Amino acid sequence: MPAREPVVHPYIPNSVPGVQQEMLQAVGAQTVDEFFADIPAGLRLDRPLDLPEPLLSEAELTRHVEGLLERNRSTRQVLSFLGAGCYRHQVPAVCDEINSRGEFLTAYAGEPYEDHGRFQALFEYQSMMGELLGMDVVNVPNYDGFQAAATALRMAARLTGRGSVLLPAAMSADKLSMVRGYLQPDIAVDLIPLDPASGLLDPATLEAALSPRVAAVYFENPGYLGTLETRPDRISAAAHAAGALSVVGVDPLSLGVLRPPVDYGADLACGDIQSLGIHMNFGGGHGGFIAGPDDPRFVMEFPSRLFGIAPTTVEGEYGFGDVAYERTSFARREEGKEWVGTAAALWGITAGVYLALMGPQGMREIGEGLMQRCRYLMGRVAALPGLRVPFAATPHFTEFVVQFDPAGPTAAAANRALLERGIFGGKDLSAEFPGLGQSLLVCVSELHTRPDLDRLVDALGEVTR
């Protein structure tokens, strides 16, 4: 049987045999097997991967990928009450128009000599976020809100020289897993349980857990289960009394109606900007922010880029550029305190466009509308037989928990029944928080009309009947 001709694949680099041979010669190897000689034979696959035949034309590939995507049911096709960290909010057309412009889309990672406009755009984003948060220093976005929280906690550990942090037990399991992994192996994580009556962090339990080894107390406002902390000042004060920092995770969309974290003692604030004019994406559309004081001790602990404004050599002229660039991994490489990429910078520009469009009045109006929708839906759901809304007396922002009666459907079964009615019902919390029983985390947005909310209530009534 004749030897099979090697496949030169258009999407696999260096698959041309002649190119491979040149590369082998450059490193002094005769064959690919010789090149990989250091890898034990037991770790090598001695057969081709069990994959379908390659698609050798762009048209075939396009048809294949589109076929896969058509199997998805998106939140644009189905009435959705999903949230839990990624939200479908209204995205003004101008956000898409600006972030798709070539000078931003292809140049978000440029340098000052080639890209003055991007530096100014990100400076404006940082300035508006600083005004929203009441803090002087805001970073160019890092990857997402998960990393922002973990990075803020590492900053706190470096600033205090301590080796443990306190986190709320009622936080996203995915976020907690990421934070634990990011803080290993030198920073311990201890969890503070929620108050079962209010769904909030229990200050007395927190105060008992504080010690001289705690670098930071981290809490979220709004919390993962939708509740708003009613005693945030006491939490921050307890942290400070023990010599620890207060780090607060916050949804920036809430700050048109809620006090910013700095007003109740936060040393660092962090979160995700996805709610600020950014579409839900398949694994993307997120950017993490960290905000702190204009204190050199804090500024030098920020790992990601900061853009500032400064006078140039021309009198009366100002320019935009890096602040303390030497502290970043871009400058220090392997000596950097942490490593960040550039992928989220475009989302910072997008969020800046959104904030400029909304202004203080727009942010207040959207916050008020979200809280009104949330409270209306909570009241209607709580009145349904077989359903309970825990923590109903506690203020909420956009999300709340719905518990199913033990004699009723499971959360998974309820979601399936809702989907048959054209509704994404909410995130199933049953495995993540077994103490809440069969439960869903339901989220409202400004896109929901009153008939949308009533439609969910009617569907839940049918599902639990």
Protein backbone atom coordinates (compact mmCIF):
# COMPACT_ATOMS: atom_id res chain seq x y z
CA MET A 1 0.00 0.00 0.00
CA PRO A 2 1.58 3.35 -0.98
CA ALA A 3 2.55 5.75 1.81
CA ARG A 4 -0.08 8.35 2.52
CA GLU A 5 0.76 11.85 1.38
CA PRO A 6 1.09 14.30 4.27
CA VAL A 7 -1.82 16.72 4.60
CA VAL A 8 -0.91 20.36 4.17
CA HIS A 9 -3.68 21.98 6.21
CA PRO A 10 -4.57 25.64 5.63
CA TYR A 11 -5.26 26.23 9.34
CA ILE A 12 -2.28 24.40 10.87
CA PRO A 13 0.95 26.41 10.72
CA ASN A 14 4.17 24.80 9.48
CA SER A 15 2.38 21.75 8.06
CA VAL A 16 4.28 21.94 4.76
CA PRO A 17 6.86 19.09 4.81
CA GLY A 18 9.64 21.30 3.45
CA VAL A 19 9.07 23.88 6.19
CA GLN A 20 9.09 21.17 8.87
CA GLN A 21 12.39 19.81 7.53
CA GLU A 22 13.98 23.25 7.63
CA MET A 23 12.91 23.67 11.24
CA LEU A 24 14.32 20.26 12.19
CA GLN A 25 17.64 21.08 10.53
CA ALA A 26 17.80 24.38 12.41
CA VAL A 27 17.73 22.51 15.76
CA GLY A 28 19.90 19.62 14.64
CA ALA A 29 17.23 16.90 14.55
CA GLN A 30 16.63 14.44 11.71
CA THR A 31 13.00 13.57 12.45
CA VAL A 32 10.08 14.78 14.52
CA ASP A 33 10.46 11.72 16.77
CA GLU A 34 14.07 12.68 17.43
CA PHE A 35 12.98 16.23 18.26
CA PHE A 36 10.59 14.88 20.91
CA ALA A 37 13.04 12.30 22.27
CA ASP A 38 12.92 13.83 25.77
CA ILE A 39 9.23 12.98 26.11
CA PRO A 40 8.79 9.44 27.53
CA ALA A 41 7.27 6.94 25.11
CA GLY A 42 4.41 6.26 27.53
CA LEU A 43 3.23 9.86 27.16
CA ARG A 44 3.22 9.82 23.36
CA LEU A 45 0.27 8.89 21.19
CA ASP A 46 1.44 6.33 18.65
CA ARG A 47 -1.67 6.58 16.49
CA PRO A 48 -3.54 9.41 14.76
CA LEU A 49 -6.10 11.30 16.80
CA ASP A 50 -9.63 9.97 16.43
CA LEU A 51 -10.86 12.96 14.47
CA PRO A 52 -13.05 13.33 11.40
CA GLU A 53 -11.46 14.02 8.07
CA PRO A 54 -10.24 17.61 7.76
CA LEU A 55 -12.31 20.25 6.05
CA LEU A 56 -10.07 21.57 3.32
CA SER A 57 -12.14 24.52 2.09
CA GLU A 58 -13.27 27.64 3.84
CA ALA A 59 -16.80 27.10 2.55
CA GLU A 60 -17.01 23.64 4.13
CA LEU A 61 -15.64 24.95 7.41
CA THR A 62 -18.11 27.84 7.44
CA ARG A 63 -21.04 25.49 6.80
CA HIS A 64 -19.87 23.15 9.58
CA VAL A 65 -19.46 25.91 12.19
CA GLU A 66 -22.75 27.56 11.29
CA GLY A 67 -24.46 24.21 11.69
CA LEU A 68 -23.07 23.91 15.19
CA LEU A 69 -24.14 27.44 16.10
CA GLU A 70 -27.67 26.88 14.82
CA ARG A 71 -28.12 24.21 17.49
CA ASN A 72 -27.77 26.88 20.17
CA ARG A 73 -30.81 28.67 21.60
CA SER A 74 -29.65 32.14 22.54
CA THR A 75 -31.07 34.71 24.94
CA ARG A 76 -32.08 36.75 21.91
CA GLN A 77 -34.43 33.98 20.78
CA VAL A 78 -35.78 32.96 24.19
CA LEU A 79 -37.12 35.14 27.01
CA SER A 80 -34.28 34.88 29.51
CA PHE A 81 -34.03 35.31 33.27
CA LEU A 82 -30.46 34.01 33.46
CA GLY A 83 -27.75 36.00 35.21
CA ALA A 84 -25.27 34.72 37.80
CA GLY A 85 -22.34 36.74 36.44
CA CYS A 86 -23.12 37.25 32.75
CA TYR A 87 -26.07 39.45 31.85
CA ARG A 88 -28.16 40.46 28.88
CA HIS A 89 -28.53 44.22 29.18
CA GLN A 90 -29.39 46.78 26.56
CA VAL A 91 -26.31 47.55 24.43
CA PRO A 92 -26.64 50.96 22.76
CA ALA A 93 -25.78 50.84 19.05
CA VAL A 94 -23.03 53.42 19.54
CA CYS A 95 -21.07 50.93 21.71
CA ASP A 96 -20.85 48.46 18.83
CA GLU A 97 -20.16 51.26 16.35
CA ILE A 98 -17.17 52.60 18.29
CA ASN A 99 -15.57 49.31 19.34
CA SER A 100 -15.75 47.97 15.77
CA ARG A 101 -13.86 50.91 14.32
CA GLY A 102 -10.49 49.84 12.96
CA GLU A 103 -8.49 52.33 15.03
CA PHE A 104 -9.74 50.57 18.19
CA LEU A 105 -10.54 47.03 17.06
CA THR A 106 -7.10 46.33 15.58
CA ALA A 107 -5.00 48.67 17.71
CA TYR A 108 -6.14 48.07 21.28
CA ALA A 109 -2.66 46.81 22.21
CA GLY A 110 -0.59 49.43 20.39
CA GLU A 111 2.16 51.61 21.78
CA PRO A 112 2.19 55.38 22.44
CA TYR A 113 4.09 56.31 19.30
CA GLU A 114 1.43 54.72 17.11
CA ASP A 115 -1.81 54.94 19.03
CA HIS A 116 -2.55 58.14 20.94
CA GLY A 117 -6.31 57.75 20.47
CA ARG A 118 -6.51 54.44 22.32
CA PHE A 119 -4.59 55.84 25.28
CA GLN A 120 -6.98 58.77 25.54
CA ALA A 121 -10.03 56.51 25.19
CA LEU A 122 -8.84 54.29 28.04
CA PHE A 123 -7.91 57.31 30.14
CA GLU A 124 -11.48 58.57 29.71
CA TYR A 125 -12.83 55.13 30.67
CA GLN A 126 -10.68 55.11 33.82
CA SER A 127 -11.78 58.65 34.68
CA MET A 128 -15.49 57.86 34.38
CA MET A 129 -15.09 54.63 36.35
CA GLY A 130 -13.18 56.59 39.00
CA GLU A 131 -16.04 59.06 39.25
CA LEU A 132 -18.60 56.25 39.46
CA LEU A 133 -16.60 54.44 42.15
CA GLY A 134 -15.45 57.55 44.02
CA MET A 135 -11.83 56.36 43.77
CA ASP A 136 -8.80 57.94 42.13
CA VAL A 137 -7.10 55.01 40.44
CA VAL A 138 -8.77 52.48 38.10
CA ASN A 139 -6.85 49.99 35.98
CA VAL A 140 -7.08 49.22 32.30
CA PRO A 141 -9.27 46.09 32.39
CA ASN A 142 -7.75 42.73 33.11
CA TYR A 143 -9.32 39.49 31.90
CA ASP A 144 -12.59 39.45 33.88
CA GLY A 145 -14.21 40.08 37.24
CA PHE A 146 -12.98 36.75 38.62
CA GLN A 147 -9.37 37.71 38.02
CA ALA A 148 -9.98 41.24 39.29
CA ALA A 149 -11.14 39.84 42.64
CA ALA A 150 -8.22 37.44 42.89
CA THR A 151 -5.73 40.12 41.89
CA ALA A 152 -7.16 42.61 44.40
CA LEU A 153 -6.73 39.99 47.14
CA ARG A 154 -3.12 39.35 46.11
CA MET A 155 -2.54 43.10 46.19
CA ALA A 156 -3.95 43.17 49.73
CA ALA A 157 -1.65 40.32 50.78
CA ARG A 158 1.39 42.15 49.41
CA LEU A 159 0.35 45.43 51.04
CA THR A 160 -0.21 43.88 54.48
CA GLY A 161 2.42 41.14 54.37
CA ARG A 162 -0.20 38.66 55.59
CA GLY A 163 -1.15 35.23 54.30
CA SER A 164 -4.90 34.60 54.50
CA VAL A 165 -8.17 36.14 53.31
CA LEU A 166 -11.80 35.87 54.36
CA LEU A 167 -14.45 35.37 51.67
CA PRO A 168 -18.25 34.92 51.78
CA ALA A 169 -19.42 31.33 51.50
CA ALA A 170 -22.35 32.58 49.41
CA MET A 171 -20.36 33.37 46.29
CA SER A 172 -20.23 31.75 42.87
CA ALA A 173 -18.62 28.32 43.03
CA ASP A 174 -16.83 29.03 39.76
CA LYS A 175 -15.49 32.33 41.06
CA LEU A 176 -14.44 30.80 44.36
CA SER A 177 -12.61 28.01 42.53
CA MET A 178 -10.75 30.51 40.36
CA VAL A 179 -9.81 32.72 43.33
CA ARG A 180 -8.56 29.73 45.33
CA GLY A 181 -6.43 28.59 42.41
CA TYR A 182 -5.02 32.08 41.86
CA LEU A 183 -4.09 32.50 45.53
CA GLN A 184 -2.42 29.12 45.94
CA PRO A 185 -0.10 28.09 47.44
CA ASP A 186 0.84 30.98 49.71
CA ILE A 187 -2.50 32.61 50.59
CA ALA A 188 -5.08 30.67 52.58
CA VAL A 189 -8.82 31.13 51.96
CA ASP A 190 -11.39 30.89 54.76
CA LEU A 191 -15.14 31.20 54.22
CA ILE A 192 -17.66 33.16 56.28
CA PRO A 193 -21.17 31.65 56.25
CA LEU A 194 -24.22 33.70 55.40
CA ASP A 195 -26.93 34.56 57.88
CA PRO A 196 -29.71 32.08 56.97
CA ALA A 197 -32.41 34.65 57.76
CA SER A 198 -31.11 37.58 55.70
CA GLY A 199 -28.76 35.94 53.18
CA LEU A 200 -26.08 38.45 54.17
CA LEU A 201 -22.59 38.07 55.59
CA ASP A 202 -22.85 37.51 59.34
CA PRO A 203 -20.74 40.30 60.97
CA ALA A 204 -20.44 38.51 64.31
CA THR A 205 -19.04 35.37 62.66
CA LEU A 206 -16.73 37.54 60.57
CA GLU A 207 -15.41 39.38 63.61
CA ALA A 208 -14.71 36.09 65.37
CA ALA A 209 -12.75 34.83 62.35
CA LEU A 210 -10.46 37.86 62.09
CA SER A 211 -6.87 37.47 63.25
CA PRO A 212 -3.46 39.13 62.75
CA ARG A 213 -2.81 36.84 59.78
CA VAL A 214 -5.82 38.03 57.73
CA ALA A 215 -4.81 40.31 54.86
CA ALA A 216 -8.27 41.17 53.59
CA VAL A 217 -11.98 40.70 54.02
CA TYR A 218 -13.70 40.33 50.66
CA PHE A 219 -17.45 40.70 50.25
CA GLU A 220 -19.78 41.41 47.35
CA ASN A 221 -22.44 44.09 47.10
CA PRO A 222 -24.71 43.04 45.42
CA GLY A 223 -23.97 39.50 46.50
CA TYR A 224 -24.09 36.47 44.24
CA LEU A 225 -27.58 35.60 45.52
CA GLY A 226 -28.80 39.09 44.68
CA THR A 227 -28.87 40.59 48.16
CA LEU A 228 -27.54 44.02 49.11
CA GLU A 229 -25.43 44.29 52.24
CA THR A 230 -27.22 46.44 54.84
CA ARG A 231 -24.19 46.64 57.19
CA PRO A 232 -21.20 47.14 54.88
CA ASP A 233 -19.70 49.82 57.14
CA ARG A 234 -19.50 47.33 60.01
CA ILE A 235 -17.77 44.75 57.80
CA SER A 236 -15.12 47.23 56.64
CA ALA A 237 -14.65 48.58 60.16
CA ALA A 238 -14.11 45.06 61.51
CA ALA A 239 -11.48 44.41 58.84
CA HIS A 240 -9.65 47.63 59.62
CA ALA A 241 -9.74 47.00 63.37
CA ALA A 242 -7.85 43.76 62.73
CA GLY A 243 -5.31 45.48 60.46
CA ALA A 244 -6.81 43.94 57.30
CA LEU A 245 -8.03 45.64 54.14
CA SER A 246 -11.63 45.76 52.96
CA VAL A 247 -12.04 44.56 49.36
CA VAL A 248 -15.50 44.86 47.80
CA GLY A 249 -16.79 43.22 44.64
CA VAL A 250 -19.43 45.42 43.02
CA ASP A 251 -21.61 45.57 39.91
CA PRO A 252 -20.83 49.01 38.41
CA LEU A 253 -24.36 49.20 37.01
CA SER A 254 -25.66 49.44 40.58
CA LEU A 255 -23.71 52.58 41.43
CA GLY A 256 -26.29 54.98 40.04
CA VAL A 257 -28.47 54.11 43.04
CA LEU A 258 -26.13 52.59 45.64
CA ARG A 259 -23.27 54.08 47.63
CA PRO A 260 -19.88 53.27 46.12
CA PRO A 261 -17.74 50.90 48.21
CA VAL A 262 -15.29 53.64 49.22
CA ASP A 263 -18.12 55.33 51.13
CA TYR A 264 -18.40 52.37 53.47
CA GLY A 265 -14.69 51.83 53.98
CA ALA A 266 -13.47 49.79 51.03
CA ASP A 267 -9.74 50.04 50.38
CA LEU A 268 -10.08 48.31 47.01
CA ALA A 269 -13.14 47.82 44.79
CA CYS A 270 -13.32 45.33 41.95
CA GLY A 271 -15.77 43.74 39.57
CA ASP A 272 -16.69 43.08 35.95
CA ILE A 273 -17.65 45.64 33.30
CA GLN A 274 -19.73 43.24 31.16
CA SER A 275 -22.92 45.01 32.26
CA LEU A 276 -21.67 48.31 30.77
CA GLY A 277 -22.64 48.08 27.11
CA ILE A 278 -21.06 44.70 26.33
CA HIS A 279 -22.95 41.82 24.74
CA MET A 280 -23.02 38.34 26.20
CA ASN A 281 -20.47 36.30 24.24
CA PHE A 282 -19.37 32.69 24.04
CA GLY A 283 -16.70 32.88 26.74
CA GLY A 284 -15.86 36.54 26.16
CA GLY A 285 -17.24 40.01 26.66
CA HIS A 286 -15.80 40.40 30.14
CA GLY A 287 -13.28 42.79 31.65
CA GLY A 288 -12.16 43.14 35.25
CA PHE A 289 -11.67 46.45 37.02
CA ILE A 290 -9.77 47.25 40.20
CA ALA A 291 -10.04 50.65 41.88
CA GLY A 292 -8.02 52.08 44.74
CA PRO A 293 -6.65 55.27 46.29
CA ASP A 294 -4.01 57.55 44.78
CA ASP A 295 -1.46 56.23 47.24
CA PRO A 296 1.95 55.13 45.86
CA ARG A 297 1.84 52.00 48.03
CA PHE A 298 -1.37 50.91 46.32
CA VAL A 299 -0.52 52.19 42.85
CA MET A 300 2.71 50.20 42.70
CA GLU A 301 0.80 46.99 43.45
CA PHE A 302 -1.48 47.28 40.41
CA PRO A 303 -0.22 44.72 37.88
CA SER A 304 -2.12 46.01 34.85
CA ARG A 305 -1.63 49.22 32.96
CA LEU A 306 -2.73 52.64 34.17
CA PHE A 307 -3.05 55.58 31.79
CA GLY A 308 -2.60 59.16 32.91
CA ILE A 309 -2.44 62.65 31.47
CA ALA A 310 0.70 64.80 31.58
CA PRO A 311 2.05 67.97 29.99
CA THR A 312 4.30 67.57 26.95
CA THR A 313 7.34 69.61 25.92
CA VAL A 314 4.94 71.93 24.07
CA GLU A 315 3.50 74.52 26.44
CA GLY A 316 -0.23 74.06 26.93
CA GLU A 317 -0.26 70.62 25.28
CA TYR A 318 -1.08 67.41 27.11
CA GLY A 319 -0.59 63.78 26.25
CA PHE A 320 -1.75 60.40 27.50
CA GLY A 321 0.53 57.57 28.53
CA ASP A 322 1.47 54.86 31.01
CA VAL A 323 1.72 55.58 34.72
CA ALA A 324 4.52 53.72 36.52
CA TYR A 325 4.98 51.40 33.56
CA GLU A 326 8.01 49.83 35.21
CA ARG A 327 5.80 47.99 37.75
CA THR A 328 3.97 45.97 35.05
CA SER A 329 4.79 42.57 33.59
CA PHE A 330 5.07 44.28 30.21
CA ALA A 331 8.21 46.00 31.49
CA ARG A 332 9.50 43.47 34.04
CA ARG A 333 8.47 40.26 32.28
CA GLU A 334 9.47 37.31 34.49
CA GLU A 335 10.02 39.64 37.46
CA GLY A 336 6.50 41.03 37.29
CA LYS A 337 4.28 40.64 40.34
CA GLU A 338 1.51 39.28 38.15
CA TRP A 339 0.80 38.78 34.46
CA VAL A 340 -2.00 40.29 32.47
CA GLY A 341 -2.86 40.45 28.80
CA THR A 342 -4.41 42.99 26.49
CA ALA A 343 -7.56 41.16 25.41
CA ALA A 344 -9.93 43.15 27.63
CA ALA A 345 -8.70 46.65 26.72
CA LEU A 346 -11.24 46.90 23.89
CA TRP A 347 -14.01 46.25 26.40
CA GLY A 348 -12.70 49.12 28.52
CA ILE A 349 -13.16 51.44 25.55
CA THR A 350 -16.67 50.03 25.07
CA ALA A 351 -17.58 50.58 28.72
CA GLY A 352 -16.27 54.13 28.46
CA VAL A 353 -18.60 54.78 25.54
CA TYR A 354 -21.52 53.38 27.56
CA LEU A 355 -20.75 55.51 30.63
CA ALA A 356 -20.36 58.66 28.53
CA LEU A 357 -23.70 57.97 26.85
CA MET A 358 -25.59 57.20 30.06
CA GLY A 359 -24.24 59.94 32.31
CA PRO A 360 -25.21 60.23 36.00
CA GLN A 361 -28.93 60.59 35.24
CA GLY A 362 -29.00 57.54 32.97
CA MET A 363 -27.15 55.40 35.51
CA ARG A 364 -29.62 56.40 38.21
CA GLU A 365 -32.63 55.68 36.02
CA ILE A 366 -31.42 52.24 34.97
CA GLY A 367 -30.56 51.32 38.57
CA GLU A 368 -33.98 52.39 39.82
CA GLY A 369 -35.72 50.50 37.03
CA LEU A 370 -33.80 47.31 37.75
CA MET A 371 -34.60 47.38 41.46
CA GLN A 372 -38.27 48.08 40.77
CA ARG A 373 -38.52 45.15 38.34
CA CYS A 374 -36.73 42.86 40.77
CA ARG A 375 -39.00 43.73 43.70
CA TYR A 376 -42.15 43.44 41.57
CA LEU A 377 -41.17 39.98 40.32
CA MET A 378 -40.14 38.84 43.81
CA GLY A 379 -43.54 39.78 45.18
CA ARG A 380 -45.46 38.04 42.43
CA VAL A 381 -43.38 34.85 42.60
CA ALA A 382 -43.59 34.68 46.39
CA ALA A 383 -47.40 34.70 46.12
CA LEU A 384 -47.45 31.52 44.02
CA PRO A 385 -48.34 28.28 45.86
CA GLY A 386 -45.39 25.88 46.08
CA LEU A 387 -42.76 28.62 45.74
CA ARG A 388 -40.79 30.59 48.29
CA VAL A 389 -38.48 33.58 47.97
CA PRO A 390 -35.90 33.39 50.77
CA PHE A 391 -34.32 36.59 52.10
CA ALA A 392 -37.35 38.53 50.80
CA ALA A 393 -37.01 41.17 53.51
CA THR A 394 -33.47 41.97 52.39
CA PRO A 395 -32.94 44.58 49.64
CA HIS A 396 -32.03 43.13 46.23
CA PHE A 397 -30.66 44.62 43.02
CA THR A 398 -31.41 42.43 39.97
CA GLU A 399 -31.36 38.81 41.19
CA PHE A 400 -33.13 36.70 43.77
CA VAL A 401 -33.52 33.06 44.79
CA VAL A 402 -36.67 31.06 44.10
CA GLN A 403 -37.13 27.89 46.18
CA PHE A 404 -39.41 25.06 45.12
CA ASP A 405 -41.54 23.18 47.60
CA PRO A 406 -40.05 19.72 48.38
CA ALA A 407 -43.25 18.16 47.05
CA GLY A 408 -42.99 20.09 43.78
CA PRO A 409 -40.70 19.81 40.75
CA THR A 410 -36.93 19.89 40.97
CA ALA A 411 -35.23 23.04 39.77
CA ALA A 412 -33.95 21.17 36.73
CA ALA A 413 -37.42 19.89 35.87
CA ALA A 414 -38.87 23.37 36.29
CA ASN A 415 -36.26 24.80 33.94
CA ARG A 416 -37.06 22.15 31.32
CA ALA A 417 -40.75 22.93 31.59
CA LEU A 418 -40.09 26.66 31.31
CA LEU A 419 -37.91 26.14 28.25
CA GLU A 420 -40.80 24.27 26.60
CA ARG A 421 -42.70 27.52 27.09
CA GLY A 422 -39.93 29.60 25.52
CA ILE A 423 -38.34 30.81 28.76
CA PHE A 424 -34.86 30.43 30.26
CA GLY A 425 -35.90 30.27 33.89
CA GLY A 426 -32.75 30.93 35.90
CA LYS A 427 -29.58 29.28 37.09
CA ASP A 428 -30.07 26.02 38.98
CA LEU A 429 -28.47 26.50 42.41
CA SER A 430 -29.31 23.08 43.80
CA ALA A 431 -25.84 21.56 43.47
CA GLU A 432 -23.98 24.80 44.22
CA PHE A 433 -25.96 25.61 47.39
CA PRO A 434 -27.64 22.41 48.62
CA GLY A 435 -28.73 24.21 51.76
CA LEU A 436 -31.16 26.21 49.64
CA GLY A 437 -32.86 23.03 48.40
CA GLN A 438 -34.23 22.94 44.88
CA SER A 439 -33.77 26.55 43.84
CA LEU A 440 -33.16 28.90 40.92
CA LEU A 441 -31.34 32.23 40.75
CA VAL A 442 -33.63 34.50 38.72
CA CYS A 443 -32.37 37.73 37.15
CA VAL A 444 -34.21 40.71 35.68
CA SER A 445 -32.88 43.34 33.29
CA GLU A 446 -34.04 46.63 31.81
CA LEU A 447 -35.00 44.65 28.69
CA HIS A 448 -37.84 42.97 30.60
CA THR A 449 -41.23 44.58 30.22
CA ARG A 450 -44.00 44.06 32.73
CA PRO A 451 -45.70 41.54 30.39
CA ASP A 452 -42.38 39.62 30.30
CA LEU A 453 -42.32 39.44 34.09
CA ASP A 454 -45.97 38.40 34.23
CA ARG A 455 -45.31 35.73 31.60
CA LEU A 456 -42.67 34.15 33.82
CA VAL A 457 -45.04 34.23 36.80
CA ASP A 458 -47.81 32.57 34.81
CA ALA A 459 -45.42 29.91 33.52
CA LEU A 460 -44.12 29.18 37.04
CA GLY A 461 -47.71 28.85 38.20
CA GLU A 462 -48.34 26.24 35.50
CA VAL A 463 -45.11 24.37 36.27
CA THR A 464 -45.82 24.10 40.02
CA ARG A 465 -49.56 23.42 39.73
